[in-house]
Amino acid sequence: MAAPIGAAIAQTPHALSLRVDNDAFDFWMLPWNRPDEEYSSGVHITYDGGDAPRWARSLFRGVVCTRSTPACRTASVEIGQDLYTPARSAENPIPQPGSRPNAGWLYLSQTARSLRSDRSDDLTITLGVTGPPSLGEVTQRIAHSVAPSFNRPADWSNQIRFEPGLNARYAQHWRVLVSDRAVGVDVLPHWSANAGNVSTAAEVGLETRLGWHLRHPWLPSSGPFELALTAGVTARAIARDLFLDGNTFTDGVGVGHEPYVGTGEVGVQLHIRRWFLAYRAVNDTRSYAKGPRWHPWASMVGGITFDR
């Protein structure tokens, strides 16, 4: 049956975003003092919106998200590349014994999401490759050629070998202690578990947001302006990390991993109508025996939301 003339048609919100992680964004340090090691770089393009993928619709029942639904389901697709590199001096591209190997991870992931006002459930399936097909060496050499005076020499002769990767991750987030005034605040505890030949781990964490005209953290919402400060901590228990432990099915380089690691972060996010920007400063604890005690890096995100 056709909708009555003049009836409002619920619009499904979508978003397209680009996130770049890099220790070159450690703006509190002088450019030549910023690290170029450990989790060295990440580039992620994400498309959010639409119905949950078919493989998850029997698990996440409900209606497709619109700007007026208090409970709904949706999906996202992400393509990304992450680079991991050992510490090197400015004069010598060869890392010290016990350093982590170089590693690249090129992947495609799909996430099904079930959203309510106080909780979100995410199930993500990721497929990818390591080794030369991940294009880690190519990407780093191109990036370093832009500003060679600020980058250390790179040697990718000792890298994680080619391996196809498959991982599954389930995560829950809650929204508690909410104050939705003009200057709002909320607390977002979360936990997740993932399993696969790339990573097997579990984590718990807590994020808090303080902001002006604070939007809902996951339900579709809109407004002319939002400015928020964020802070969070995460504790992680790790059973396997391919990028530190080495390849799963063949012999290769590896240094082993620390069973427990932690992360702290602070950030700022800005929405102006359909556009959004965010910056996060992150600090990770030691991830393997001879790794640095702390590794600071930062993340920049930009994107746009639209209705279809």
Foldseek 3Di string as FASTA:
>chain_A
DDDDPPDDDFWKKKKKKKKKWAQCPPVVDDLLPGFCAAFGIKIKIKIWIDAADPVCCVPAPDDGATQPDQKHKIKMKMWMKTWHHWGDDQVDQDDDPLTFAIKMKTKIKMWIWIDHLFKIKIKMKMKIKMAVVSVRVVVVVVVCVVPVVNDGDHDNPAAFHIDIWIKMKMKMKGWPPWDQDQWIKIKIKMKMAMDIQAWGKIKIKMKMKTKGNDDRPPHDDWDQKIKIKMKMKMKMATDDHCSAQGGDPDDGDHNDWDRMKMKIKIKMKMDGTFKIKMKMWMKIAGTGDPGDRIHIMMMIMIMGMDTD
